[in-house]
């Protein structure tokens, strides 16, 4: 995976927008205003993705390319390397999972206002 693929895939999801809320380097993808993916423009070989804590422990034990989220809550975020032992299909699944976790926590009203119908 590369930054262009990641960007295209994230933006293909419902109610997703991209922002630079922290600085000019950290590209953040949000669904209905809530973060689900972050990537550095300057060093686009990893991304941060939300994950439930139990799954995070399992993933970190099985893949050297998945570590606790850099500058994030280590229980709920992972940093995923594109150039390690993490298969492309798993990265896609982890993006989907991160998006779904955020969508699941949105109220029905926010989902309706954002036009989210899949979750």
N, C-alpha and C. Protein backbone atom coordinates (compact mmCIF):
# COMPACT_ATOMS: atom_id res chain seq x y z
N UNK A 1 0.85 -1.18 0.00
CA UNK A 1 0.00 0.00 0.00
C UNK A 1 0.89 1.23 0.00
N UNK A 2 0.41 2.27 -0.62
CA UNK A 2 1.10 3.55 -0.58
C UNK A 2 0.09 4.64 -0.23
N UNK A 3 0.57 5.86 -0.07
CA UNK A 3 -0.30 6.94 0.41
C UNK A 3 -1.44 7.24 -0.57
N UNK A 4 -1.16 7.12 -1.87
CA UNK A 4 -2.20 7.39 -2.84
C UNK A 4 -3.32 6.36 -2.76
N UNK A 5 -2.95 5.08 -2.62
CA UNK A 5 -3.94 4.02 -2.47
C UNK A 5 -4.75 4.21 -1.19
N UNK A 6 -4.06 4.52 -0.11
CA UNK A 6 -4.73 4.73 1.17
C UNK A 6 -5.72 5.89 1.06
N UNK A 7 -5.29 6.99 0.50
CA UNK A 7 -6.15 8.16 0.36
C UNK A 7 -7.38 7.84 -0.48
N UNK A 8 -7.16 7.23 -1.61
CA UNK A 8 -8.28 6.88 -2.50
C UNK A 8 -9.26 5.94 -1.81
N UNK A 9 -8.73 4.95 -1.09
CA UNK A 9 -9.60 3.98 -0.43
C UNK A 9 -10.40 4.64 0.69
N UNK A 10 -9.73 5.45 1.51
CA UNK A 10 -10.43 6.12 2.61
C UNK A 10 -11.52 7.05 2.10
N UNK A 11 -11.19 7.82 1.06
CA UNK A 11 -12.17 8.78 0.53
C UNK A 11 -13.33 8.12 -0.20
N UNK A 12 -13.19 6.83 -0.53
CA UNK A 12 -14.29 6.12 -1.21
C UNK A 12 -15.40 5.74 -0.23
N UNK A 13 -15.14 5.86 1.04
CA UNK A 13 -16.12 5.49 2.06
C UNK A 13 -17.10 6.64 2.31
N UNK A 14 -18.28 6.29 2.79
CA UNK A 14 -19.33 7.27 3.02
C UNK A 14 -18.94 8.29 4.10
N UNK A 15 -19.24 9.56 3.82
CA UNK A 15 -19.09 10.67 4.77
C UNK A 15 -17.66 10.90 5.24
N UNK A 16 -16.68 10.53 4.41
CA UNK A 16 -15.27 10.72 4.78
C UNK A 16 -14.74 12.01 4.19
N UNK A 17 -13.97 12.72 5.00
CA UNK A 17 -13.30 13.93 4.56
C UNK A 17 -11.86 13.87 5.04
N UNK A 18 -11.01 14.67 4.41
CA UNK A 18 -9.60 14.71 4.79
C UNK A 18 -9.25 16.09 5.32
N UNK A 19 -8.35 16.11 6.30
CA UNK A 19 -8.01 17.35 6.99
C UNK A 19 -6.55 17.34 7.42
N UNK A 20 -6.05 18.50 7.77
CA UNK A 20 -4.73 18.68 8.39
C UNK A 20 -4.93 19.44 9.70
N UNK A 21 -5.55 18.82 10.71
CA UNK A 21 -5.88 19.56 11.93
C UNK A 21 -4.70 19.83 12.86
N UNK A 22 -3.62 19.06 12.72
CA UNK A 22 -2.50 19.17 13.65
C UNK A 22 -1.34 19.99 13.09
N UNK A 23 -1.02 19.76 11.83
CA UNK A 23 0.11 20.42 11.18
C UNK A 23 -0.04 20.22 9.68
N UNK A 24 0.97 20.62 8.92
CA UNK A 24 0.92 20.47 7.46
C UNK A 24 1.40 19.10 6.98
N UNK A 25 1.75 18.22 7.91
CA UNK A 25 2.28 16.91 7.55
C UNK A 25 1.31 15.77 7.82
N UNK A 26 0.49 15.87 8.84
CA UNK A 26 -0.37 14.76 9.25
C UNK A 26 -1.73 14.87 8.59
N UNK A 27 -1.94 13.98 7.60
CA UNK A 27 -3.22 13.91 6.91
C UNK A 27 -4.16 13.02 7.72
N UNK A 28 -5.32 13.56 8.06
CA UNK A 28 -6.29 12.86 8.89
C UNK A 28 -7.56 12.62 8.09
N UNK A 29 -8.03 11.39 8.13
CA UNK A 29 -9.30 11.04 7.50
C UNK A 29 -10.34 10.90 8.61
N UNK A 30 -11.47 11.57 8.39
CA UNK A 30 -12.54 11.56 9.38
C UNK A 30 -13.83 11.08 8.73
N UNK A 31 -14.64 10.40 9.53
CA UNK A 31 -16.00 10.06 9.12
C UNK A 31 -16.92 10.84 10.04
N UNK A 32 -17.77 11.65 9.43
CA UNK A 32 -18.69 12.50 10.19
C UNK A 32 -17.97 13.26 11.29
N UNK A 33 -16.77 13.75 10.98
CA UNK A 33 -16.01 14.56 11.92
C UNK A 33 -15.17 13.83 12.94
N UNK A 34 -15.15 12.49 12.88
CA UNK A 34 -14.38 11.69 13.85
C UNK A 34 -13.24 10.96 13.12
N UNK A 35 -12.04 11.04 13.70
CA UNK A 35 -10.86 10.43 13.09
C UNK A 35 -10.93 8.91 13.04
N UNK A 36 -10.48 8.34 11.91
CA UNK A 36 -10.32 6.90 11.83
C UNK A 36 -9.00 6.49 11.19
N UNK A 37 -8.28 7.43 10.57
CA UNK A 37 -7.00 7.10 9.94
C UNK A 37 -6.14 8.36 9.87
N UNK A 38 -4.84 8.18 10.19
CA UNK A 38 -3.88 9.28 10.10
C UNK A 38 -2.64 8.77 9.38
N UNK A 39 -2.03 9.65 8.57
CA UNK A 39 -0.80 9.29 7.87
C UNK A 39 0.07 10.53 7.70
N UNK A 40 1.38 10.34 7.79
CA UNK A 40 2.33 11.42 7.59
C UNK A 40 2.60 11.57 6.09
N UNK A 41 2.54 12.80 5.60
CA UNK A 41 2.86 13.08 4.20
C UNK A 41 4.36 12.91 3.97
N UNK A 42 5.16 13.34 4.93
CA UNK A 42 6.62 13.29 4.80
C UNK A 42 7.17 11.87 4.90
N UNK A 43 6.53 11.03 5.73
CA UNK A 43 6.97 9.65 5.91
C UNK A 43 5.76 8.72 5.76
N UNK A 44 5.30 8.52 4.52
CA UNK A 44 4.05 7.80 4.29
C UNK A 44 4.18 6.27 4.26
N UNK A 45 5.02 5.73 5.11
CA UNK A 45 5.19 4.27 5.13
C UNK A 45 4.43 3.60 6.27
N UNK A 46 3.70 4.40 7.08
CA UNK A 46 2.84 3.85 8.13
C UNK A 46 1.58 4.70 8.23
N UNK A 47 0.57 4.11 8.84
CA UNK A 47 -0.64 4.89 9.16
C UNK A 47 -1.12 4.46 10.53
N UNK A 48 -1.88 5.32 11.17
CA UNK A 48 -2.50 5.00 12.46
C UNK A 48 -3.96 4.68 12.22
N UNK A 49 -4.41 3.56 12.79
CA UNK A 49 -5.79 3.12 12.64
C UNK A 49 -6.37 2.73 13.99
N UNK A 50 -7.63 3.06 14.17
CA UNK A 50 -8.34 2.70 15.40
C UNK A 50 -8.60 1.19 15.41
N UNK A 51 -8.58 0.60 16.61
CA UNK A 51 -8.79 -0.84 16.74
C UNK A 51 -9.28 -1.12 18.16
N UNK A 52 -10.09 -2.17 18.32
CA UNK A 52 -10.50 -2.49 19.69
C UNK A 52 -9.31 -3.10 20.43
N UNK A 53 -9.22 -2.88 21.74
CA UNK A 53 -8.03 -3.28 22.50
C UNK A 53 -7.67 -4.76 22.41
N UNK A 54 -8.65 -5.65 22.45
CA UNK A 54 -8.35 -7.08 22.39
C UNK A 54 -7.73 -7.46 21.04
N UNK A 55 -8.29 -6.92 19.98
CA UNK A 55 -7.77 -7.19 18.64
C UNK A 55 -6.37 -6.59 18.48
N UNK A 56 -6.14 -5.43 19.08
CA UNK A 56 -4.82 -4.78 19.00
C UNK A 56 -3.74 -5.69 19.58
N UNK A 57 -4.01 -6.28 20.72
CA UNK A 57 -3.04 -7.17 21.37
C UNK A 57 -2.72 -8.34 20.45
N UNK A 58 -3.73 -8.93 19.87
CA UNK A 58 -3.55 -10.07 18.96
C UNK A 58 -2.73 -9.67 17.73
N UNK A 59 -3.08 -8.55 17.12
CA UNK A 59 -2.37 -8.10 15.92
C UNK A 59 -0.90 -7.80 16.21
N UNK A 60 -0.64 -7.13 17.33
CA UNK A 60 0.74 -6.79 17.70
C UNK A 60 1.57 -8.03 17.98
N UNK A 61 0.93 -9.09 18.48
CA UNK A 61 1.64 -10.34 18.76
C UNK A 61 1.97 -11.09 17.48
N UNK A 62 1.15 -10.91 16.45
CA UNK A 62 1.30 -11.68 15.22
C UNK A 62 2.05 -10.97 14.09
N UNK A 63 2.19 -9.65 14.17
CA UNK A 63 2.83 -8.88 13.09
C UNK A 63 3.80 -7.87 13.67
N UNK A 64 5.04 -7.92 13.22
CA UNK A 64 6.03 -6.94 13.68
C UNK A 64 5.71 -5.56 13.12
N UNK A 65 4.96 -5.50 12.04
CA UNK A 65 4.59 -4.24 11.40
C UNK A 65 3.38 -3.57 12.03
N UNK A 66 2.89 -4.09 13.14
CA UNK A 66 1.78 -3.45 13.85
C UNK A 66 2.23 -3.21 15.29
N UNK A 67 2.27 -1.94 15.65
CA UNK A 67 2.74 -1.55 16.98
C UNK A 67 1.73 -0.57 17.60
N UNK A 68 1.85 -0.30 18.90
CA UNK A 68 0.95 0.68 19.52
C UNK A 68 0.99 2.01 18.77
N UNK A 69 -0.15 2.65 18.66
CA UNK A 69 -0.28 3.88 17.89
C UNK A 69 0.66 4.99 18.33
N UNK A 70 1.45 5.50 17.39
CA UNK A 70 2.39 6.59 17.63
C UNK A 70 1.62 7.86 17.92
N UNK A 71 1.88 8.48 19.07
CA UNK A 71 1.21 9.71 19.52
C UNK A 71 -0.30 9.54 19.69
N UNK A 72 -0.75 8.32 19.96
CA UNK A 72 -2.18 8.05 20.10
C UNK A 72 -2.41 7.23 21.37
N UNK A 73 -3.67 7.04 21.73
CA UNK A 73 -4.03 6.15 22.83
C UNK A 73 -3.60 4.74 22.44
N UNK A 74 -2.63 4.20 23.16
CA UNK A 74 -2.03 2.90 22.81
C UNK A 74 -3.01 1.74 22.91
N UNK A 75 -4.11 1.91 23.65
CA UNK A 75 -5.10 0.84 23.77
C UNK A 75 -6.01 0.77 22.57
N UNK A 76 -6.25 1.90 21.92
CA UNK A 76 -7.26 1.96 20.87
C UNK A 76 -6.72 2.28 19.48
N UNK A 77 -5.43 2.51 19.36
CA UNK A 77 -4.85 2.86 18.06
C UNK A 77 -3.59 2.03 17.81
N UNK A 78 -3.42 1.63 16.55
CA UNK A 78 -2.22 0.93 16.10
C UNK A 78 -1.55 1.74 15.01
N UNK A 79 -0.23 1.64 14.96
CA UNK A 79 0.53 2.13 13.82
C UNK A 79 0.83 0.90 12.96
N UNK A 80 0.43 0.98 11.69
CA UNK A 80 0.56 -0.14 10.77
C UNK A 80 1.57 0.23 9.69
N UNK A 81 2.58 -0.61 9.54
CA UNK A 81 3.63 -0.37 8.55
C UNK A 81 3.26 -1.00 7.22
N UNK A 82 3.48 -0.25 6.13
CA UNK A 82 3.21 -0.75 4.79
C UNK A 82 4.35 -1.61 4.26
N UNK A 83 5.54 -1.47 4.86
CA UNK A 83 6.73 -2.14 4.34
C UNK A 83 7.22 -3.25 5.26
N UNK A 84 6.32 -3.90 5.95
CA UNK A 84 6.70 -4.96 6.88
C UNK A 84 5.93 -6.23 6.52
N UNK A 85 5.56 -6.98 7.52
CA UNK A 85 4.94 -8.28 7.32
C UNK A 85 3.41 -8.23 7.31
N UNK A 86 2.84 -7.03 7.16
CA UNK A 86 1.39 -6.90 7.18
C UNK A 86 0.87 -6.99 5.74
N UNK A 87 0.10 -8.02 5.42
CA UNK A 87 -0.40 -8.18 4.04
C UNK A 87 -1.33 -7.03 3.64
N UNK A 88 -1.32 -6.71 2.37
CA UNK A 88 -2.15 -5.64 1.82
C UNK A 88 -3.62 -5.86 2.19
N UNK A 89 -4.10 -7.08 2.05
CA UNK A 89 -5.51 -7.38 2.37
C UNK A 89 -5.83 -7.10 3.84
N UNK A 90 -4.88 -7.36 4.71
CA UNK A 90 -5.09 -7.08 6.13
C UNK A 90 -5.14 -5.58 6.39
N UNK A 91 -4.30 -4.82 5.70
CA UNK A 91 -4.33 -3.36 5.85
C UNK A 91 -5.71 -2.83 5.45
N UNK A 92 -6.24 -3.33 4.36
CA UNK A 92 -7.58 -2.93 3.91
C UNK A 92 -8.61 -3.30 4.99
N UNK A 93 -8.51 -4.50 5.54
CA UNK A 93 -9.43 -4.92 6.60
C UNK A 93 -9.32 -4.03 7.83
N UNK A 94 -8.10 -3.62 8.16
CA UNK A 94 -7.89 -2.77 9.33
C UNK A 94 -8.45 -1.35 9.11
N UNK A 95 -8.34 -0.86 7.88
CA UNK A 95 -8.96 0.43 7.54
C UNK A 95 -10.47 0.31 7.69
N UNK A 96 -11.03 -0.77 7.12
CA UNK A 96 -12.48 -1.00 7.22
C UNK A 96 -12.91 -1.09 8.68
N UNK A 97 -12.14 -1.81 9.48
CA UNK A 97 -12.46 -1.99 10.89
C UNK A 97 -12.42 -0.65 11.63
N UNK A 98 -11.41 0.15 11.36
CA UNK A 98 -11.29 1.45 12.00
C UNK A 98 -12.49 2.33 11.65
N UNK A 99 -12.83 2.36 10.38
CA UNK A 99 -13.99 3.13 9.91
C UNK A 99 -15.27 2.64 10.60
N UNK A 100 -15.43 1.34 10.66
CA UNK A 100 -16.64 0.77 11.27
C UNK A 100 -16.72 1.07 12.76
N UNK A 101 -15.59 0.98 13.47
CA UNK A 101 -15.58 1.30 14.90
C UNK A 101 -16.07 2.73 15.15
N UNK A 102 -15.60 3.65 14.33
CA UNK A 102 -16.01 5.04 14.49
C UNK A 102 -17.49 5.20 14.14
N UNK A 103 -17.91 4.59 13.03
CA UNK A 103 -19.31 4.68 12.63
C UNK A 103 -20.23 4.09 13.69
N UNK A 104 -19.82 2.99 14.29
CA UNK A 104 -20.65 2.34 15.31
C UNK A 104 -20.88 3.23 16.52
N UNK A 105 -19.98 4.16 16.77
CA UNK A 105 -20.11 5.06 17.92
C UNK A 105 -20.84 6.36 17.60
N UNK A 106 -21.22 6.53 16.34
CA UNK A 106 -21.98 7.73 15.96
C UNK A 106 -23.45 7.54 16.30
N UNK A 107 -24.09 8.61 16.67
CA UNK A 107 -25.52 8.53 16.96
C UNK A 107 -26.31 8.33 15.65
N UNK A 108 -27.52 7.83 15.79
CA UNK A 108 -28.38 7.65 14.61
C UNK A 108 -28.59 8.98 13.89
N UNK A 109 -28.74 10.04 14.66
CA UNK A 109 -28.94 11.36 14.09
C UNK A 109 -27.75 11.78 13.24
N UNK A 110 -26.53 11.61 13.78
CA UNK A 110 -25.32 11.99 13.06
C UNK A 110 -25.17 11.13 11.80
N UNK A 111 -25.42 9.83 11.92
CA UNK A 111 -25.35 8.96 10.75
C UNK A 111 -26.31 9.42 9.66
N UNK A 112 -27.53 9.74 10.06
CA UNK A 112 -28.53 10.19 9.10
C UNK A 112 -28.11 11.50 8.44
N UNK A 113 -27.66 12.46 9.25
CA UNK A 113 -27.21 13.75 8.73
C UNK A 113 -26.02 13.61 7.78
N UNK A 114 -25.15 12.64 8.07
CA UNK A 114 -23.95 12.43 7.24
C UNK A 114 -24.25 11.56 6.02
N UNK A 115 -25.40 10.94 6.00
CA UNK A 115 -25.76 10.06 4.88
C UNK A 115 -25.11 8.70 4.94
N UNK A 116 -24.80 8.25 6.15
CA UNK A 116 -24.15 6.94 6.33
C UNK A 116 -25.25 5.88 6.40
N UNK A 117 -25.22 4.96 5.44
CA UNK A 117 -26.25 3.92 5.38
C UNK A 117 -25.69 2.52 5.58
N UNK A 118 -24.38 2.34 5.45
CA UNK A 118 -23.78 1.01 5.49
C UNK A 118 -23.63 0.45 6.91
N UNK A 119 -23.58 1.31 7.92
CA UNK A 119 -23.29 0.81 9.26
C UNK A 119 -24.39 1.19 10.18
